[in-house]
C-alpha atoms as a PDB file:
ATOM      1  CA  UNK A   1      30.343 -21.330  -4.705  1.00  0.00           C
ATOM      2  CA  UNK A   2      30.065 -19.406  -7.940  1.00  0.00           C
ATOM      3  CA  UNK A   3      26.521 -18.739  -9.074  1.00  0.00           C
ATOM      4  CA  UNK A   4      26.072 -18.157 -12.789  1.00  0.00           C
ATOM      5  CA  UNK A   5      22.824 -17.184 -14.497  1.00  0.00           C
ATOM      6  CA  UNK A   6      22.581 -17.806 -18.218  1.00  0.00           C
ATOM      7  CA  UNK A   7      19.947 -18.318 -20.912  1.00  0.00           C
ATOM      8  CA  UNK A   8      18.165 -21.669 -20.875  1.00  0.00           C
ATOM      9  CA  UNK A   9      19.244 -24.210 -23.481  1.00  0.00           C
ATOM     10  CA  UNK A  10      17.077 -27.180 -24.471  1.00  0.00           C
ATOM     11  CA  UNK A  11      19.841 -29.473 -23.164  1.00  0.00           C
ATOM     12  CA  UNK A  12      19.147 -28.031 -19.679  1.00  0.00           C
ATOM     13  CA  UNK A  13      15.666 -29.503 -19.442  1.00  0.00           C
ATOM     14  CA  UNK A  14      16.609 -32.952 -18.031  1.00  0.00           C
ATOM     15  CA  UNK A  15      18.350 -31.253 -15.078  1.00  0.00           C
ATOM     16  CA  UNK A  16      15.610 -28.655 -14.560  1.00  0.00           C
ATOM     17  CA  UNK A  17      12.530 -30.865 -14.823  1.00  0.00           C
ATOM     18  CA  UNK A  18      13.002 -32.997 -11.652  1.00  0.00           C
ATOM     19  CA  UNK A  19      13.033 -30.088  -9.198  1.00  0.00           C
ATOM     20  CA  UNK A  20      10.515 -28.028 -11.168  1.00  0.00           C
ATOM     21  CA  UNK A  21       8.207 -31.046 -11.177  1.00  0.00           C
ATOM     22  CA  UNK A  22       8.718 -31.672  -7.454  1.00  0.00           C
ATOM     23  CA  UNK A  23       7.938 -28.026  -6.673  1.00  0.00           C
ATOM     24  CA  UNK A  24       4.763 -28.027  -8.765  1.00  0.00           C
ATOM     25  CA  UNK A  25       3.675 -31.433  -7.425  1.00  0.00           C
ATOM     26  CA  UNK A  26       3.961 -30.136  -3.839  1.00  0.00           C
ATOM     27  CA  UNK A  27       0.936 -27.908  -4.523  1.00  0.00           C
ATOM     28  CA  UNK A  28       2.072 -25.024  -2.339  1.00  0.00           C
ATOM     29  CA  UNK A  29       3.648 -22.410  -4.620  1.00  0.00           C
ATOM     30  CA  UNK A  30       2.597 -22.657  -8.274  1.00  0.00           C
ATOM     31  CA  UNK A  31      -0.901 -22.522  -9.768  1.00  0.00           C
ATOM     32  CA  UNK A  32      -0.255 -25.364 -12.217  1.00  0.00           C
ATOM     33  CA  UNK A  33      -2.084 -28.546 -11.297  1.00  0.00           C
ATOM     34  CA  UNK A  34       0.192 -30.968  -9.417  1.00  0.00           C
ATOM     35  CA  UNK A  35      -0.608 -33.621 -12.025  1.00  0.00           C
ATOM     36  CA  UNK A  36       0.502 -31.407 -14.951  1.00  0.00           C
ATOM     37  CA  UNK A  37       2.497 -33.350 -17.504  1.00  0.00           C
ATOM     38  CA  UNK A  38       6.127 -32.742 -18.296  1.00  0.00           C
ATOM     39  CA  UNK A  39       5.188 -31.499 -21.760  1.00  0.00           C
ATOM     40  CA  UNK A  40       2.637 -29.021 -20.377  1.00  0.00           C
ATOM     41  CA  UNK A  41       5.160 -27.568 -17.960  1.00  0.00           C
ATOM     42  CA  UNK A  42       7.960 -27.531 -20.509  1.00  0.00           C
ATOM     43  CA  UNK A  43       5.751 -25.499 -22.843  1.00  0.00           C
ATOM     44  CA  UNK A  44       4.724 -23.125 -20.052  1.00  0.00           C
ATOM     45  CA  UNK A  45       8.258 -22.664 -18.670  1.00  0.00           C
ATOM     46  CA  UNK A  46      10.334 -22.595 -21.857  1.00  0.00           C
ATOM     47  CA  UNK A  47       8.147 -22.057 -24.924  1.00  0.00           C
ATOM     48  CA  UNK A  48       5.611 -19.352 -24.022  1.00  0.00           C
ATOM     49  CA  UNK A  49       7.852 -16.945 -22.075  1.00  0.00           C
ATOM     50  CA  UNK A  50       9.897 -14.258 -23.784  1.00  0.00           C
ATOM     51  CA  UNK A  51      13.043 -15.711 -22.190  1.00  0.00           C
ATOM     52  CA  UNK A  52      13.997 -18.464 -19.744  1.00  0.00           C
ATOM     53  CA  UNK A  53      17.192 -18.607 -17.703  1.00  0.00           C
ATOM     54  CA  UNK A  54      18.956 -21.140 -15.496  1.00  0.00           C
ATOM     55  CA  UNK A  55      21.097 -20.579 -12.430  1.00  0.00           C
ATOM     56  CA  UNK A  56      24.081 -22.868 -11.984  1.00  0.00           C
ATOM     57  CA  UNK A  57      26.639 -23.568  -9.298  1.00  0.00           C
ATOM     58  CA  UNK A  58      29.696 -25.402 -10.585  1.00  0.00           C
ATOM     59  CA  UNK A  59      27.763 -26.266 -13.779  1.00  0.00           C
ATOM     60  CA  UNK A  60      24.883 -27.849 -11.775  1.00  0.00           C
ATOM     61  CA  UNK A  61      21.471 -26.309 -12.459  1.00  0.00           C
ATOM     62  CA  UNK A  62      20.054 -25.111  -9.144  1.00  0.00           C
ATOM     63  CA  UNK A  63      17.333 -22.724 -10.302  1.00  0.00           C
ATOM     64  CA  UNK A  64      15.465 -21.242 -13.213  1.00  0.00           C
ATOM     65  CA  UNK A  65      13.227 -18.333 -14.054  1.00  0.00           C
ATOM     66  CA  UNK A  66      11.267 -16.965 -16.992  1.00  0.00           C
ATOM     67  CA  UNK A  67      10.100 -13.509 -18.022  1.00  0.00           C
ATOM     68  CA  UNK A  68       7.236 -12.577 -20.292  1.00  0.00           C
ATOM     69  CA  UNK A  69       4.833  -9.704 -20.855  1.00  0.00           C
ATOM     70  CA  UNK A  70       2.190  -9.746 -18.149  1.00  0.00           C
ATOM     71  CA  UNK A  71      -0.526  -8.863 -20.669  1.00  0.00           C
ATOM     72  CA  UNK A  72      -0.670  -8.468 -24.449  1.00  0.00           C
ATOM     73  CA  UNK A  73      -0.939  -5.199 -26.304  1.00  0.00           C
ATOM     74  CA  UNK A  74      -1.516  -2.210 -24.092  1.00  0.00           C
ATOM     75  CA  UNK A  75      -0.314  -4.066 -20.983  1.00  0.00           C
ATOM     76  CA  UNK A  76       2.828  -5.493 -22.559  1.00  0.00           C
ATOM     77  CA  UNK A  77       5.126  -2.905 -20.951  1.00  0.00           C
ATOM     78  CA  UNK A  78       4.709  -4.733 -17.615  1.00  0.00           C
ATOM     79  CA  UNK A  79       6.713  -7.929 -17.197  1.00  0.00           C
ATOM     80  CA  UNK A  80       5.733 -11.092 -15.354  1.00  0.00           C
ATOM     81  CA  UNK A  81       8.183 -13.691 -14.042  1.00  0.00           C
ATOM     82  CA  UNK A  82       8.256 -17.089 -12.384  1.00  0.00           C
ATOM     83  CA  UNK A  83      11.086 -18.615 -10.337  1.00  0.00           C
ATOM     84  CA  UNK A  84      12.008 -22.062  -9.083  1.00  0.00           C
ATOM     85  CA  UNK A  85      14.977 -23.124  -6.940  1.00  0.00           C
ATOM     86  CA  UNK A  86      16.024 -26.719  -6.415  1.00  0.00           C
ATOM     87  CA  UNK A  87      14.878 -27.571  -2.855  1.00  0.00           C
ATOM     88  CA  UNK A  88      18.357 -28.981  -2.138  1.00  0.00           C
ATOM     89  CA  UNK A  89      19.903 -25.577  -2.965  1.00  0.00           C
ATOM     90  CA  UNK A  90      17.499 -23.282  -1.088  1.00  0.00           C
ATOM     91  CA  UNK A  91      18.775 -20.815   1.464  1.00  0.00           C
ATOM     92  CA  UNK A  92      21.828 -19.767  -0.560  1.00  0.00           C
ATOM     93  CA  UNK A  93      20.490 -16.560  -2.109  1.00  0.00           C
ATOM     94  CA  UNK A  94      19.693 -18.150  -5.476  1.00  0.00           C
ATOM     95  CA  UNK A  95      16.124 -16.797  -5.689  1.00  0.00           C
ATOM     96  CA  UNK A  96      17.329 -13.300  -4.801  1.00  0.00           C
ATOM     97  CA  UNK A  97      20.076 -13.454  -7.424  1.00  0.00           C
ATOM     98  CA  UNK A  98      17.630 -14.693 -10.064  1.00  0.00           C
ATOM     99  CA  UNK A  99      15.122 -11.965  -9.201  1.00  0.00           C
ATOM    100  CA  UNK A 100      17.781  -9.246  -9.379  1.00  0.00           C
ATOM    101  CA  UNK A 101      18.941 -10.701 -12.720  1.00  0.00           C
ATOM    102  CA  UNK A 102      15.350 -10.787 -13.983  1.00  0.00           C
ATOM    103  CA  UNK A 103      14.815  -7.135 -13.041  1.00  0.00           C
ATOM    104  CA  UNK A 104      17.886  -6.144 -15.065  1.00  0.00           C
ATOM    105  CA  UNK A 105      16.813  -8.359 -17.982  1.00  0.00           C
ATOM    106  CA  UNK A 106      13.301  -6.938 -17.938  1.00  0.00           C
ATOM    107  CA  UNK A 107      14.578  -3.360 -17.823  1.00  0.00           C
ATOM    108  CA  UNK A 108      17.042  -4.031 -20.654  1.00  0.00           C
ATOM    109  CA  UNK A 109      14.188  -5.462 -22.735  1.00  0.00           C
ATOM    110  CA  UNK A 110      12.178  -2.261 -22.299  1.00  0.00           C
ATOM    111  CA  UNK A 111       9.715  -3.276 -19.590  1.00  0.00           C
ATOM    112  CA  UNK A 112       8.637  -0.452 -17.271  1.00  0.00           C
ATOM    113  CA  UNK A 113       7.532  -2.624 -14.338  1.00  0.00           C
ATOM    114  CA  UNK A 114       7.254  -6.194 -13.081  1.00  0.00           C
ATOM    115  CA  UNK A 115       4.137  -7.772 -11.626  1.00  0.00           C
ATOM    116  CA  UNK A 116       3.666 -11.069  -9.839  1.00  0.00           C
ATOM    117  CA  UNK A 117       0.027 -12.038 -10.297  1.00  0.00           C
ATOM    118  CA  UNK A 118      -0.285 -14.929  -7.875  1.00  0.00           C
ATOM    119  CA  UNK A 119       2.157 -15.087  -4.957  1.00  0.00           C
ATOM    120  CA  UNK A 120       0.788 -17.543  -2.427  1.00  0.00           C
ATOM    121  CA  UNK A 121       0.344 -15.612   0.827  1.00  0.00           C
ATOM    122  CA  UNK A 122       1.477 -18.573   2.936  1.00  0.00           C
ATOM    123  CA  UNK A 123       4.796 -18.682   1.038  1.00  0.00           C
ATOM    124  CA  UNK A 124       6.277 -16.277   3.571  1.00  0.00           C
ATOM    125  CA  UNK A 125       9.919 -16.604   2.441  1.00  0.00           C
ATOM    126  CA  UNK A 126       8.940 -15.555  -1.098  1.00  0.00           C
ATOM    127  CA  UNK A 127       6.696 -12.713   0.070  1.00  0.00           C
ATOM    128  CA  UNK A 128       9.471 -11.412   2.339  1.00  0.00           C
ATOM    129  CA  UNK A 129      12.105 -11.692  -0.409  1.00  0.00           C
ATOM    130  CA  UNK A 130       9.992  -9.931  -3.028  1.00  0.00           C
ATOM    131  CA  UNK A 131       9.274  -7.112  -0.576  1.00  0.00           C
ATOM    132  CA  UNK A 132      12.988  -6.839   0.235  1.00  0.00           C
ATOM    133  CA  UNK A 133      13.634  -6.491  -3.506  1.00  0.00           C
ATOM    134  CA  UNK A 134      11.189  -3.606  -3.833  1.00  0.00           C
ATOM    135  CA  UNK A 135       7.871  -5.266  -4.606  1.00  0.00           C
ATOM    136  CA  UNK A 136       4.757  -3.955  -2.918  1.00  0.00           C
ATOM    137  CA  UNK A 137       1.626  -5.970  -2.225  1.00  0.00           C
ATOM    138  CA  UNK A 138      -0.974  -4.178  -4.344  1.00  0.00           C
ATOM    139  CA  UNK A 139      -3.754  -6.713  -4.079  1.00  0.00           C
ATOM    140  CA  UNK A 140      -5.001  -9.683  -2.091  1.00  0.00           C
ATOM    141  CA  UNK A 141      -7.141 -12.379  -3.682  1.00  0.00           C
ATOM    142  CA  UNK A 142      -9.041 -14.001  -0.800  1.00  0.00           C
ATOM    143  CA  UNK A 143      -9.112 -17.793  -0.988  1.00  0.00           C
ATOM    144  CA  UNK A 144      -7.805 -17.816  -4.567  1.00  0.00           C
ATOM    145  CA  UNK A 145      -5.383 -20.734  -4.133  1.00  0.00           C
ATOM    146  CA  UNK A 146      -6.156 -24.334  -3.203  1.00  0.00           C
ATOM    147  CA  UNK A 147      -3.068 -25.187  -1.167  1.00  0.00           C
ATOM    148  CA  UNK A 148      -2.309 -28.925  -1.030  1.00  0.00           C
ATOM    149  CA  UNK A 149      -1.954 -28.979   2.781  1.00  0.00           C
ATOM    150  CA  UNK A 150      -3.637 -25.841   4.090  1.00  0.00           C
ATOM    151  CA  UNK A 151      -6.780 -25.729   1.985  1.00  0.00           C
ATOM    152  CA  UNK A 152      -7.932 -22.443   0.507  1.00  0.00           C
ATOM    153  CA  UNK A 153      -5.473 -19.586   1.107  1.00  0.00           C
ATOM    154  CA  UNK A 154      -5.013 -16.061  -0.234  1.00  0.00           C
ATOM    155  CA  UNK A 155      -2.874 -15.098  -3.213  1.00  0.00           C
ATOM    156  CA  UNK A 156      -1.126 -11.753  -3.515  1.00  0.00           C
ATOM    157  CA  UNK A 157      -0.506  -9.426  -6.441  1.00  0.00           C
ATOM    158  CA  UNK A 158       2.924  -7.810  -6.091  1.00  0.00           C
ATOM    159  CA  UNK A 159       4.326  -4.983  -8.220  1.00  0.00           C
ATOM    160  CA  UNK A 160       7.361  -2.782  -8.656  1.00  0.00           C
ATOM    161  CA  UNK A 161       8.550  -0.309 -11.249  1.00  0.00           C
ATOM    162  CA  UNK A 162      11.853  -0.770 -13.026  1.00  0.00           C
ATOM    163  CA  UNK A 163      12.833   2.895 -13.336  1.00  0.00           C
ATOM    164  CA  UNK A 164      15.688   2.433 -10.823  1.00  0.00           C
ATOM    165  CA  UNK A 165      17.085  -0.822 -12.315  1.00  0.00           C
ATOM    166  CA  UNK A 166      20.331  -0.692 -14.231  1.00  0.00           C
END
């Protein structure tokens, strides 16, 4: 298994959309409405971010992430990112590799820190992974997420500086 992470190309969308759509439609990790259209998500995932990347194994797209400034203007030195791994490829370290790649990309692009604004507290694998990769929980938003199966659950704000990323 050779994992490669490269910039997104528009030709990648047909392979990315099915698992991105399935993840959003599940209503347990992303804030986008489960009924969001393909065009809405394509704009959000590939048009608005500063950069979007795909992770491949043997040329098959198994994950993707984007980076963008967390805020405009005076907050633009802090990066935000979003990640999605094909459910059939989970458990192979793809999210960790994409996060590590995104930290290097963000640092190389001049960002001083990375902030995740809305990590669903019940998404324990993600919370654990982000903490393992140096993110601290700096805020808890009680009942901020309407989970498809669990009802209202907390969302977390997670943050780390990039001063040690090379």
